[in-house]
N, C-alpha and C. Protein backbone atom coordinates (compact mmCIF):
# COMPACT_ATOMS: atom_id res chain seq x y z
N MET A 1 0.87 -0.89 -0.07
CA MET A 1 0.20 0.10 0.15
C MET A 1 0.73 1.03 -0.02
N LYS A 2 0.38 1.67 -0.25
CA LYS A 2 1.19 3.44 -0.66
C LYS A 2 -0.08 4.75 -0.42
N VAL A 3 0.36 5.64 0.42
CA VAL A 3 0.14 6.42 1.09
C VAL A 3 0.81 8.07 0.73
N ILE A 4 -0.01 8.38 0.22
CA ILE A 4 0.49 9.54 0.02
C ILE A 4 0.17 10.81 1.10
N THR A 5 0.92 11.71 2.43
CA THR A 5 0.31 12.62 2.88
C THR A 5 1.23 14.59 2.30
N ASN A 6 0.37 15.01 2.54
CA ASN A 6 0.57 15.88 2.21
C ASN A 6 1.27 18.09 2.78
N SER A 7 1.54 17.17 4.40
CA SER A 7 1.83 17.85 5.77
C SER A 7 2.60 16.69 6.99
N PRO A 8 3.25 17.67 7.63
CA PRO A 8 3.77 16.56 8.78
C PRO A 8 2.53 16.09 9.49
N ALA A 9 1.26 17.43 9.71
CA ALA A 9 0.14 16.90 10.76
C ALA A 9 -0.55 15.70 9.84
N GLU A 10 -0.44 15.26 8.67
CA GLU A 10 -1.41 14.37 7.90
C GLU A 10 -0.27 13.06 8.04
N THR A 11 0.97 13.22 7.81
CA THR A 11 1.75 12.16 8.40
C THR A 11 1.44 11.75 10.33
N ARG A 12 1.27 12.95 10.63
CA ARG A 12 1.26 12.18 12.00
C ARG A 12 -0.45 11.16 12.58
N ARG A 13 -1.44 12.35 11.70
CA ARG A 13 -2.28 11.50 11.70
C ARG A 13 -2.69 9.85 10.97
N LEU A 14 -2.00 9.73 10.36
CA LEU A 14 -1.59 8.60 9.97
C LEU A 14 -1.27 7.72 10.58
N GLY A 15 -0.02 7.99 11.47
CA GLY A 15 0.74 7.34 12.38
C GLY A 15 -0.61 7.05 13.29
N GLU A 16 -1.09 7.62 14.19
CA GLU A 16 -2.63 7.24 14.98
C GLU A 16 -3.51 6.04 14.52
N LYS A 17 -3.86 6.97 13.18
CA LYS A 17 -4.69 5.85 12.46
C LYS A 17 -4.32 4.06 13.17
N LEU A 18 -2.85 4.13 12.37
CA LEU A 18 -1.98 2.80 12.47
C LEU A 18 -2.21 2.24 14.16
N GLY A 19 -1.68 3.45 15.46
CA GLY A 19 -1.27 3.32 16.38
C GLY A 19 -2.47 2.09 16.97
N LYS A 20 -3.65 2.64 16.71
CA LYS A 20 -4.90 2.14 17.01
C LYS A 20 -5.55 0.75 16.96
N LEU A 21 -4.80 0.64 15.62
CA LEU A 21 -4.74 -0.84 15.34
C LEU A 21 -3.81 -1.52 15.60
N LEU A 22 -2.61 -1.59 16.91
CA LEU A 22 -1.72 -2.05 17.02
C LEU A 22 -1.66 -3.25 18.23
N ALA A 23 -1.26 -4.20 18.32
CA ALA A 23 -1.76 -5.18 19.51
C ALA A 23 -0.10 -5.43 20.18
N PRO A 24 0.08 -6.04 21.56
CA PRO A 24 0.70 -6.56 21.90
C PRO A 24 1.55 -7.68 21.00
N GLY A 25 3.33 -6.86 20.89
CA GLY A 25 4.02 -7.81 19.90
C GLY A 25 4.28 -7.51 18.78
N ASP A 26 3.38 -6.24 18.22
CA ASP A 26 3.23 -5.71 17.28
C ASP A 26 4.75 -5.20 16.67
N LEU A 27 5.01 -5.39 15.58
CA LEU A 27 7.15 -5.23 15.07
C LEU A 27 6.45 -4.02 14.25
N ILE A 28 7.09 -2.67 14.18
CA ILE A 28 7.28 -1.70 12.78
C ILE A 28 8.25 -1.42 12.93
N ALA A 29 8.82 -1.81 11.12
CA ALA A 29 10.15 -1.42 10.61
C ALA A 29 10.15 -0.31 9.44
N LEU A 30 10.46 1.11 10.20
CA LEU A 30 10.74 2.00 9.12
C LEU A 30 11.87 2.13 8.53
N THR A 31 12.07 2.97 7.42
CA THR A 31 13.00 3.09 6.40
C THR A 31 12.85 4.50 6.21
N GLY A 32 13.83 5.44 5.97
CA GLY A 32 13.85 6.64 4.96
C GLY A 32 15.33 7.37 5.90
N GLU A 33 15.38 8.20 4.68
CA GLU A 33 16.57 9.00 5.12
C GLU A 33 16.11 10.09 5.95
N LEU A 34 17.30 10.78 6.21
CA LEU A 34 16.60 11.65 7.41
C LEU A 34 15.97 13.07 7.07
N GLY A 35 14.79 13.24 7.85
CA GLY A 35 14.04 13.95 7.57
C GLY A 35 12.92 13.58 6.95
N ALA A 36 12.68 12.42 6.95
CA ALA A 36 11.66 11.64 6.14
C ALA A 36 10.35 12.02 6.73
N GLY A 37 10.44 11.88 7.96
CA GLY A 37 9.40 11.99 8.62
C GLY A 37 9.39 10.50 9.84
N LYS A 38 10.24 10.26 9.92
CA LYS A 38 9.53 8.33 10.58
C LYS A 38 9.55 8.72 12.36
N THR A 39 10.10 9.70 13.19
CA THR A 39 10.15 10.29 14.29
C THR A 39 8.76 10.49 13.97
N LEU A 40 8.32 11.76 13.11
CA LEU A 40 6.64 12.10 13.13
C LEU A 40 5.75 11.05 12.77
N LEU A 41 5.78 10.17 12.47
CA LEU A 41 5.08 9.08 12.13
C LEU A 41 5.02 8.16 13.79
N VAL A 42 5.94 7.93 14.48
CA VAL A 42 6.25 7.39 15.78
C VAL A 42 5.23 8.30 16.82
N GLN A 43 4.95 9.40 16.99
CA GLN A 43 4.70 10.63 17.23
C GLN A 43 2.82 9.79 17.07
N GLY A 44 2.67 9.99 16.05
CA GLY A 44 1.52 9.76 15.71
C GLY A 44 0.57 8.37 16.69
N ILE A 45 1.79 7.24 16.19
CA ILE A 45 1.47 6.07 17.12
C ILE A 45 1.61 6.20 18.02
N ALA A 46 2.01 6.13 18.77
CA ALA A 46 2.11 6.64 20.21
C ALA A 46 1.36 7.28 20.33
N ALA A 47 0.40 8.44 20.06
CA ALA A 47 -0.65 8.60 20.19
C ALA A 47 -2.31 7.95 20.10
N GLY A 48 -2.28 7.24 18.71
CA GLY A 48 -2.71 6.24 18.65
C GLY A 48 -3.07 5.02 19.69
N MET A 49 -2.09 5.27 20.44
CA MET A 49 -1.88 3.90 21.37
C MET A 49 -2.16 4.39 22.78
N GLY A 50 -2.49 5.69 22.53
CA GLY A 50 -3.53 5.81 23.81
C GLY A 50 -2.12 7.23 24.46
N ILE A 51 -0.91 7.02 24.21
CA ILE A 51 0.31 6.92 25.04
C ILE A 51 0.86 9.08 25.04
N GLU A 52 0.25 8.83 26.44
CA GLU A 52 0.38 11.26 26.32
C GLU A 52 1.61 11.39 26.47
N ALA A 53 2.91 10.60 26.83
CA ALA A 53 4.36 11.36 26.86
C ALA A 53 4.82 12.32 25.83
N THR A 54 5.86 12.68 25.64
CA THR A 54 6.11 13.61 24.48
C THR A 54 7.09 12.44 23.83
N VAL A 55 6.90 12.17 22.29
CA VAL A 55 7.88 11.13 21.68
C VAL A 55 8.16 11.81 20.93
N THR A 56 10.29 11.36 21.13
CA THR A 56 11.07 12.02 20.71
C THR A 56 12.71 11.34 19.93
N SER A 57 12.98 11.66 18.99
CA SER A 57 13.79 10.36 18.56
C SER A 57 14.84 9.71 19.67
N PRO A 58 15.19 8.27 20.08
CA PRO A 58 15.62 7.70 20.85
C PRO A 58 17.14 7.33 19.83
N THR A 59 17.74 8.15 19.20
CA THR A 59 19.38 8.30 18.46
C THR A 59 20.00 7.95 19.27
N PHE A 60 20.11 8.84 19.98
CA PHE A 60 20.97 8.84 21.55
C PHE A 60 21.10 7.45 22.32
N LEU A 61 19.67 7.35 22.50
CA LEU A 61 19.59 6.69 23.43
C LEU A 61 19.26 4.88 23.50
N ILE A 62 19.64 4.99 21.83
CA ILE A 62 18.84 3.54 21.19
C ILE A 62 17.09 2.56 20.76
N ILE A 63 17.42 2.99 22.44
CA ILE A 63 15.78 3.03 22.99
C ILE A 63 14.71 4.26 24.24
N LYS A 64 14.02 3.72 23.64
CA LYS A 64 13.48 4.66 24.62
C LYS A 64 12.03 3.74 24.65
N GLU A 65 11.28 3.78 26.29
CA GLU A 65 10.40 2.86 26.74
C GLU A 65 9.42 4.23 26.82
N TYR A 66 7.79 4.02 26.42
CA TYR A 66 7.12 4.88 26.87
C TYR A 66 5.67 3.93 26.91
N PRO A 67 5.13 3.94 28.86
CA PRO A 67 4.40 3.31 29.39
C PRO A 67 2.78 3.55 28.85
N GLY A 68 1.86 3.04 28.97
CA GLY A 68 0.86 2.39 27.87
C GLY A 68 -0.48 1.83 28.71
N LYS A 69 -1.12 1.77 28.29
CA LYS A 69 -2.08 0.45 28.22
C LYS A 69 -1.30 -0.66 27.53
N ILE A 70 -0.74 -0.35 26.27
CA ILE A 70 0.08 -1.23 26.00
C ILE A 70 1.69 -0.40 25.47
N PRO A 71 2.71 -0.87 25.92
CA PRO A 71 3.71 -0.28 26.38
C PRO A 71 4.22 0.43 24.95
N LEU A 72 5.27 1.16 24.27
CA LEU A 72 5.91 1.53 23.48
C LEU A 72 7.22 1.86 23.23
N TYR A 73 7.69 0.55 22.62
CA TYR A 73 9.53 0.38 22.66
C TYR A 73 10.09 1.19 21.30
N HIS A 74 10.23 2.26 21.20
CA HIS A 74 11.22 2.98 20.19
C HIS A 74 12.54 3.07 20.00
N MET A 75 12.73 2.50 18.93
CA MET A 75 14.22 1.83 18.82
C MET A 75 14.67 2.58 17.59
N ASP A 76 15.81 3.06 17.67
CA ASP A 76 16.51 3.72 16.93
C ASP A 76 18.20 3.25 16.22
N ALA A 77 18.06 2.91 15.08
CA ALA A 77 19.69 2.05 14.58
C ALA A 77 20.10 2.46 14.26
N TYR A 78 20.11 3.94 13.63
CA TYR A 78 21.25 4.48 12.92
C TYR A 78 22.22 4.57 13.68
N ARG A 79 22.67 4.82 15.03
CA ARG A 79 24.01 4.93 15.85
C ARG A 79 24.65 4.27 16.05
N LEU A 80 24.22 2.90 15.74
CA LEU A 80 24.24 1.41 16.31
C LEU A 80 26.23 1.27 15.11
N ALA A 81 26.92 0.28 15.92
CA ALA A 81 28.16 0.08 15.17
C ALA A 81 27.50 -1.08 14.09
N GLY A 82 26.41 -1.86 14.60
CA GLY A 82 26.33 -3.09 13.70
C GLY A 82 25.08 -3.78 14.23
N PRO A 83 24.35 -4.95 13.73
CA PRO A 83 23.29 -5.95 14.46
C PRO A 83 23.73 -6.14 16.03
N GLU A 84 25.11 -6.42 15.82
CA GLU A 84 25.56 -7.12 17.08
C GLU A 84 25.47 -6.77 18.07
N GLU A 85 25.40 -4.95 18.34
CA GLU A 85 24.89 -3.92 19.08
C GLU A 85 23.30 -4.39 19.61
N LEU A 86 22.61 -4.54 18.66
CA LEU A 86 21.47 -4.87 18.94
C LEU A 86 21.46 -5.95 19.76
N LEU A 87 22.20 -7.17 19.52
CA LEU A 87 22.21 -8.01 20.01
C LEU A 87 22.15 -7.88 21.75
N ALA A 88 23.40 -7.38 21.77
CA ALA A 88 24.25 -6.65 23.06
C ALA A 88 23.02 -6.02 24.16
N LEU A 89 21.81 -5.47 23.54
CA LEU A 89 20.66 -4.46 24.02
C LEU A 89 19.75 -5.88 24.29
N GLY A 90 19.61 -6.85 24.22
CA GLY A 90 18.76 -7.85 24.43
C GLY A 90 17.55 -7.32 23.99
N TYR A 91 17.62 -7.25 22.15
CA TYR A 91 16.45 -6.41 21.38
C TYR A 91 15.55 -7.74 21.51
N GLU A 92 16.16 -8.99 21.71
CA GLU A 92 14.45 -10.23 21.47
C GLU A 92 13.39 -10.04 23.03
N GLU A 93 13.54 -9.52 24.23
CA GLU A 93 12.81 -8.41 25.25
C GLU A 93 11.75 -7.94 24.48
N TYR A 94 12.18 -6.98 23.22
CA TYR A 94 11.36 -6.00 23.01
C TYR A 94 10.64 -6.50 22.01
N PHE A 95 11.34 -7.11 21.21
CA PHE A 95 10.47 -7.56 19.80
C PHE A 95 9.44 -8.90 20.01
N PHE A 96 9.90 -9.75 21.39
CA PHE A 96 8.90 -10.64 21.85
C PHE A 96 8.24 -10.33 23.02
N GLY A 97 7.86 -9.17 23.46
CA GLY A 97 7.25 -8.74 24.91
C GLY A 97 6.03 -8.17 24.57
N GLN A 98 5.43 -7.48 25.48
CA GLN A 98 4.03 -7.21 25.71
C GLN A 98 4.01 -5.98 25.17
N GLY A 99 5.44 -5.28 24.33
CA GLY A 99 4.18 -3.70 23.61
C GLY A 99 4.43 -3.97 22.49
N VAL A 100 4.64 -2.27 22.20
CA VAL A 100 4.42 -2.84 20.41
C VAL A 100 6.51 -1.91 20.25
N THR A 101 6.76 -2.50 19.24
CA THR A 101 8.29 -2.11 19.13
C THR A 101 8.00 -1.44 17.79
N VAL A 102 9.02 0.09 17.36
CA VAL A 102 8.91 0.45 15.99
C VAL A 102 10.37 0.39 16.04
N ILE A 103 10.97 0.66 15.21
CA ILE A 103 12.53 0.46 14.72
C ILE A 103 12.30 1.57 14.13
N GLU A 104 13.68 2.93 13.80
CA GLU A 104 14.19 3.49 13.19
C GLU A 104 15.08 3.04 12.46
N TRP A 105 15.40 3.38 11.07
CA TRP A 105 16.68 2.88 10.31
C TRP A 105 16.82 0.84 10.40
N ALA A 106 15.34 0.49 10.55
CA ALA A 106 15.21 -0.89 10.32
C ALA A 106 16.24 -1.09 9.31
N ASP A 107 16.00 -0.87 8.10
CA ASP A 107 17.20 -1.04 7.34
C ASP A 107 18.40 -1.84 7.77
N LEU A 108 18.91 -1.39 8.93
CA LEU A 108 20.25 -1.57 9.30
C LEU A 108 20.66 -2.71 10.30
N VAL A 109 19.25 -3.43 10.60
CA VAL A 109 19.12 -4.74 11.77
C VAL A 109 17.78 -5.73 11.19
N LEU A 110 17.93 -5.67 9.69
CA LEU A 110 17.02 -5.96 8.88
C LEU A 110 17.22 -7.70 9.24
N ASP A 111 18.13 -7.74 9.34
CA ASP A 111 18.51 -9.33 9.83
C ASP A 111 18.11 -10.04 10.86
N LEU A 112 17.90 -8.82 11.83
CA LEU A 112 17.75 -9.58 12.70
C LEU A 112 16.58 -9.46 13.56
N LEU A 113 15.23 -8.82 12.38
CA LEU A 113 14.28 -8.91 12.40
C LEU A 113 13.87 -10.16 12.68
N PRO A 114 11.90 -10.74 13.24
CA PRO A 114 11.82 -12.12 12.77
C PRO A 114 10.98 -11.80 11.48
N PRO A 115 10.70 -13.55 11.36
CA PRO A 115 10.09 -12.62 9.71
C PRO A 115 8.49 -12.07 9.39
N ALA A 116 8.26 -11.69 10.72
CA ALA A 116 7.17 -11.13 10.79
C ALA A 116 7.23 -10.06 11.55
N TYR A 117 6.22 -8.43 10.28
CA TYR A 117 6.06 -7.54 10.91
C TYR A 117 5.82 -6.75 9.85
N LEU A 118 5.55 -5.39 10.35
CA LEU A 118 5.21 -4.48 9.42
C LEU A 118 6.34 -3.51 8.73
N ARG A 119 5.96 -2.82 7.75
CA ARG A 119 7.94 -2.27 6.91
C ARG A 119 7.03 -0.75 6.15
N ILE A 120 7.77 0.00 6.89
CA ILE A 120 7.08 1.13 6.13
C ILE A 120 8.03 2.23 5.74
N ASP A 121 8.32 2.24 4.55
CA ASP A 121 9.54 3.31 4.22
C ASP A 121 9.57 4.28 3.31
N LEU A 122 9.82 5.74 4.31
CA LEU A 122 9.24 7.03 4.11
C LEU A 122 9.86 7.52 3.24
N GLU A 123 9.47 8.21 2.28
CA GLU A 123 10.39 9.09 1.27
C GLU A 123 10.01 10.22 1.05
N HIS A 124 10.55 11.82 0.90
CA HIS A 124 10.11 13.03 0.15
C HIS A 124 9.27 12.82 -0.98
N ALA A 125 7.68 13.24 -0.79
CA ALA A 125 7.64 13.29 -2.05
C ALA A 125 7.49 14.18 -3.50
N ALA A 126 7.24 14.52 -4.26
CA ALA A 126 7.20 16.28 -5.10
C ALA A 126 6.08 16.86 -4.66
N GLY A 127 6.49 17.56 -5.42
CA GLY A 127 5.28 18.49 -5.13
C GLY A 127 5.05 19.54 -3.52
N GLY A 128 6.34 19.56 -2.83
CA GLY A 128 6.08 20.39 -1.67
C GLY A 128 6.97 19.90 -0.23
N GLU A 129 7.12 20.38 0.32
CA GLU A 129 7.97 20.45 1.07
C GLU A 129 7.27 18.88 2.28
N GLY A 130 6.79 19.40 2.57
CA GLY A 130 5.99 18.84 4.18
C GLY A 130 5.14 17.19 3.26
N LYS A 131 5.14 17.41 1.89
CA LYS A 131 4.56 16.23 1.45
C LYS A 131 5.67 14.58 1.54
N ARG A 132 4.86 14.13 1.93
CA ARG A 132 5.94 12.32 2.26
C ARG A 132 4.88 11.45 1.08
N CYS A 133 5.48 10.16 0.94
CA CYS A 133 5.52 8.93 0.38
C CYS A 133 5.52 7.82 1.24
N LEU A 134 4.74 7.09 1.91
CA LEU A 134 4.70 6.04 2.83
C LEU A 134 4.57 4.69 1.96
N VAL A 135 5.43 3.90 2.20
CA VAL A 135 5.38 2.84 1.08
C VAL A 135 4.60 1.62 2.28
N PHE A 136 3.92 0.60 2.72
CA PHE A 136 3.86 -0.10 3.78
C PHE A 136 3.61 -1.21 2.92
N SER A 137 4.47 -2.56 3.66
CA SER A 137 4.70 -3.37 3.13
C SER A 137 4.61 -4.93 4.28
N ALA A 138 3.42 -5.57 4.47
CA ALA A 138 3.42 -6.51 5.38
C ALA A 138 4.02 -7.93 5.14
N ARG A 139 4.98 -8.19 6.11
CA ARG A 139 5.82 -9.94 6.62
C ARG A 139 4.68 -10.31 7.50
N GLY A 140 3.70 -11.33 6.52
CA GLY A 140 3.54 -12.40 7.92
C GLY A 140 2.23 -12.02 7.62
N GLU A 141 1.27 -12.91 7.96
CA GLU A 141 -0.10 -13.11 7.92
C GLU A 141 -1.23 -12.10 8.78
N ARG A 142 -0.21 -11.71 10.21
CA ARG A 142 -1.18 -10.49 11.38
C ARG A 142 -0.77 -9.60 10.39
N TYR A 143 0.40 -9.12 10.30
CA TYR A 143 0.33 -7.37 9.07
C TYR A 143 0.07 -7.40 7.88
N GLY A 144 -0.24 -8.60 7.17
CA GLY A 144 -1.07 -8.79 5.95
C GLY A 144 -2.48 -8.32 6.26
N LYS A 145 -3.04 -8.85 7.34
CA LYS A 145 -4.97 -8.51 8.36
C LYS A 145 -4.76 -6.77 8.23
N LEU A 146 -3.70 -6.24 9.44
CA LEU A 146 -3.74 -5.20 10.15
C LEU A 146 -3.15 -4.30 8.86
N LEU A 147 -2.90 -4.57 7.66
CA LEU A 147 -2.36 -3.61 6.05
C LEU A 147 -3.60 -3.45 5.54
N GLU A 148 -4.61 -4.51 5.41
CA GLU A 148 -6.03 -4.31 5.10
C GLU A 148 -7.03 -3.66 5.82
N GLU A 149 -6.75 -4.04 7.43
CA GLU A 149 -7.94 -2.98 8.28
C GLU A 149 -7.65 -1.63 7.94
N LEU A 150 -6.29 -1.07 7.78
CA LEU A 150 -6.07 0.26 7.66
C LEU A 150 -5.69 0.85 6.43
N LYS A 151 -5.69 0.18 5.05
CA LYS A 151 -6.43 0.21 3.98
C LYS A 151 -8.39 1.27 4.00
N ARG A 152 -8.34 0.36 4.72
CA ARG A 152 -10.04 0.56 5.04
C ARG A 152 -10.40 1.90 6.06
N ASN A 153 -9.26 2.41 6.44
CA ASN A 153 -9.13 3.42 7.55
C ASN A 153 -8.63 5.24 6.82
N VAL A 154 -7.99 4.75 5.71
CA VAL A 154 -6.90 5.29 5.00
C VAL A 154 -7.70 6.19 3.80
N ASP A 155 -7.27 6.98 3.02
CA ASP A 155 -7.32 7.53 1.58
C ASP A 155 -5.78 8.17 1.57
N THR A 156 -5.48 6.96 0.60
CA THR A 156 -3.74 6.35 0.32
C THR A 156 -3.83 8.04 -0.39
N GLY A 157 -4.46 8.80 -1.04
CA GLY A 157 -4.20 9.92 -2.01
C GLY A 157 -3.60 9.85 -3.67
N CYS A 158 -3.33 8.39 -3.67
CA CYS A 158 -2.22 8.03 -5.20
C CYS A 158 -3.77 7.50 -6.19
């Protein structure tokens, strides 16, 4: 599924819609260049999950945890020396825990991801500074169903 958002507010609202559909154990893998809107999307996901805390990029911390009815584990692989550093952080506790895990720069640790997850590639879109193109791809049955539900709630703009 491909979605065009016309502003940062639309990107955040898309994240909110996704966040409302997430369940414990879900994994979202985000890719995109600097400034593509990954953290903004996570802010929306957190809002959709009912998390009231201010969500910021975990670049220098690698992992930030946000409590909620379902906890949010926000990871950033950008500064990792390699996948082995994520191994040392005990990533399995997050991937297979009771929260939702969202990883920015997931393309740097793809080999460590379980077989099932939702991937979202974010890109700048032509026609405006705030426009983004988000390409969603489901890996596994759970995420295929999640994507179908999201499609029913989103105007793709395509």
